[in-house]
C-alpha atoms as a PDB file:
ATOM      1  CA  LYS A   1     131.722 162.569  58.719  1.00  0.00           C
ATOM      2  CA  ASN A   2     128.999 160.566  60.340  1.00  0.00           C
ATOM      3  CA  LYS A   3     129.733 158.882  63.573  1.00  0.00           C
ATOM      4  CA  ILE A   4     127.988 155.243  63.573  1.00  0.00           C
ATOM      5  CA  MET A   5     127.463 152.903  66.368  1.00  0.00           C
ATOM      6  CA  TYR A   6     126.467 149.304  65.967  1.00  0.00           C
ATOM      7  CA  ALA A   7     124.447 146.953  68.135  1.00  0.00           C
ATOM      8  CA  MET A   8     123.593 143.192  67.785  1.00  0.00           C
ATOM      9  CA  GLY A   9     120.093 142.336  68.716  1.00  0.00           C
ATOM     10  CA  ASP A  10     118.998 138.904  70.064  1.00  0.00           C
ATOM     11  CA  ASP A  11     117.448 138.493  66.618  1.00  0.00           C
ATOM     12  CA  GLN A  12     120.812 138.494  64.787  1.00  0.00           C
ATOM     13  CA  VAL A  13     120.320 141.891  63.312  1.00  0.00           C
ATOM     14  CA  LEU A  14     123.133 144.432  63.280  1.00  0.00           C
ATOM     15  CA  TYR A  15     121.717 147.744  63.838  1.00  0.00           C
ATOM     16  CA  CYS A  16     123.558 150.870  62.703  1.00  0.00           C
ATOM     17  CA  PHE A  17     122.827 153.933  64.475  1.00  0.00           C
ATOM     18  CA  ASN A  18     123.741 157.828  63.567  1.00  0.00           C
ATOM     19  CA  CYS A  19     125.355 159.007  66.821  1.00  0.00           C
ATOM     20  CA  GLU A  20     124.550 162.516  66.035  1.00  0.00           C
ATOM     21  CA  ASP A  21     120.511 162.234  65.728  1.00  0.00           C
ATOM     22  CA  GLY A  22     120.042 158.543  67.139  1.00  0.00           C
ATOM     23  CA  SER A  23     118.635 157.637  63.895  1.00  0.00           C
ATOM     24  CA  VAL A  24     118.616 153.840  62.545  1.00  0.00           C
ATOM     25  CA  GLN A  25     120.926 154.175  59.210  1.00  0.00           C
ATOM     26  CA  ASP A  26     120.494 150.499  58.614  1.00  0.00           C
ATOM     27  CA  ALA A  27     119.590 147.191  59.878  1.00  0.00           C
ATOM     28  CA  VAL A  28     121.084 143.937  58.602  1.00  0.00           C
ATOM     29  CA  ARG A  29     120.558 140.129  59.601  1.00  0.00           C
ATOM     30  CA  LEU A  30     124.198 138.819  59.597  1.00  0.00           C
ATOM     31  CA  HIS A  31     123.901 135.370  60.166  1.00  0.00           C
ATOM     32  CA  ALA A  32     121.375 132.314  60.943  1.00  0.00           C
ATOM     33  CA  LYS A  33     122.653 131.370  64.447  1.00  0.00           C
ATOM     34  CA  GLU A  34     124.151 133.488  67.249  1.00  0.00           C
ATOM     35  CA  VAL A  35     126.485 136.235  66.511  1.00  0.00           C
ATOM     36  CA  ILE A  36     129.187 135.929  68.765  1.00  0.00           C
ATOM     37  CA  GLY A  37     131.444 138.884  67.748  1.00  0.00           C
ATOM     38  CA  ILE A  38     131.685 141.910  65.531  1.00  0.00           C
ATOM     39  CA  THR A  39     134.659 144.043  65.108  1.00  0.00           C
ATOM     40  CA  HIS A  40     135.131 147.391  63.073  1.00  0.00           C
ATOM     41  CA  HIS A  41     138.457 148.174  60.986  1.00  0.00           C
ATOM     42  CA  PRO A  42     139.982 151.264  62.756  1.00  0.00           C
ATOM     43  CA  HIS A  43     140.348 153.302  59.581  1.00  0.00           C
ATOM     44  CA  ARG A  44     137.965 151.907  56.930  1.00  0.00           C
ATOM     45  CA  ASN A  45     134.250 151.250  56.858  1.00  0.00           C
ATOM     46  CA  ILE A  46     134.682 147.500  57.098  1.00  0.00           C
ATOM     47  CA  LEU A  47     133.206 145.073  59.726  1.00  0.00           C
ATOM     48  CA  ALA A  48     133.810 141.265  60.360  1.00  0.00           C
ATOM     49  CA  SER A  49     131.341 139.132  62.137  1.00  0.00           C
ATOM     50  CA  PHE A  50     131.494 135.956  63.553  1.00  0.00           C
ATOM     51  CA  SER A  51     128.875 133.247  64.409  1.00  0.00           C
ATOM     52  CA  THR A  52     128.352 130.116  66.341  1.00  0.00           C
ATOM     53  CA  ASP A  53     127.549 128.698  62.751  1.00  0.00           C
ATOM     54  CA  GLY A  54     131.263 128.569  62.395  1.00  0.00           C
ATOM     55  CA  THR A  55     131.571 131.450  59.759  1.00  0.00           C
ATOM     56  CA  MET A  56     133.113 134.821  59.574  1.00  0.00           C
ATOM     57  CA  LYS A  57     131.847 137.420  57.140  1.00  0.00           C
ATOM     58  CA  ILE A  58     133.140 140.866  56.084  1.00  0.00           C
ATOM     59  CA  TRP A  59     130.870 143.716  55.618  1.00  0.00           C
ATOM     60  CA  ARG A  60     131.107 147.187  54.171  1.00  0.00           C
ATOM     61  CA  SER A  61     129.367 149.431  56.777  1.00  0.00           C
ATOM     62  CA  GLY A  62     127.713 152.747  56.455  1.00  0.00           C
ATOM     63  CA  ALA A  63     124.538 154.194  55.602  1.00  0.00           C
ATOM     64  CA  LYS A  64     123.600 150.753  53.867  1.00  0.00           C
ATOM     65  CA  THR A  65     125.518 148.067  55.111  1.00  0.00           C
ATOM     66  CA  LYS A  66     126.399 145.069  52.563  1.00  0.00           C
ATOM     67  CA  LYS A  67     128.555 141.898  52.406  1.00  0.00           C
ATOM     68  CA  VAL A  68     131.533 142.576  50.654  1.00  0.00           C
ATOM     69  CA  GLY A  69     134.077 139.527  51.420  1.00  0.00           C
ATOM     70  CA  PRO A  70     134.048 135.743  51.214  1.00  0.00           C
ATOM     71  CA  ARG A  71     132.640 133.501  53.821  1.00  0.00           C
ATOM     72  CA  PHE A  72     134.849 131.817  55.977  1.00  0.00           C
ATOM     73  CA  THR A  73     133.742 128.479  57.191  1.00  0.00           C
ATOM     74  CA  ASP A  74     135.533 126.670  60.152  1.00  0.00           C
ATOM     75  CA  THR A  75     136.961 123.536  58.804  1.00  0.00           C
ATOM     76  CA  THR A  76     138.090 121.996  61.966  1.00  0.00           C
ATOM     77  CA  THR A  77     136.339 118.944  63.115  1.00  0.00           C
ATOM     78  CA  ALA A  78     135.499 117.626  66.595  1.00  0.00           C
ATOM     79  CA  GLU A  79     138.239 114.907  66.186  1.00  0.00           C
ATOM     80  CA  SER A  80     141.085 117.706  65.453  1.00  0.00           C
ATOM     81  CA  LYS A  81     140.214 119.719  68.581  1.00  0.00           C
END
């Protein structure tokens, strides 16, 4: 089973590295604005990413990362905060 490490770049690209040989398995632009967090499911190859654009996206991770879930948008307004 491949061991994968994820790193976010300042360019809003998620880089997926193979920990065994250091190769880049995939590189995916996640959001248009700054990514403020990513998290990985503990038992499945699923990532969630959060952005200052007010969205959270769900991704299937691995050799080719792809969006699998809906796009969640922050629906709160400045008045309700």
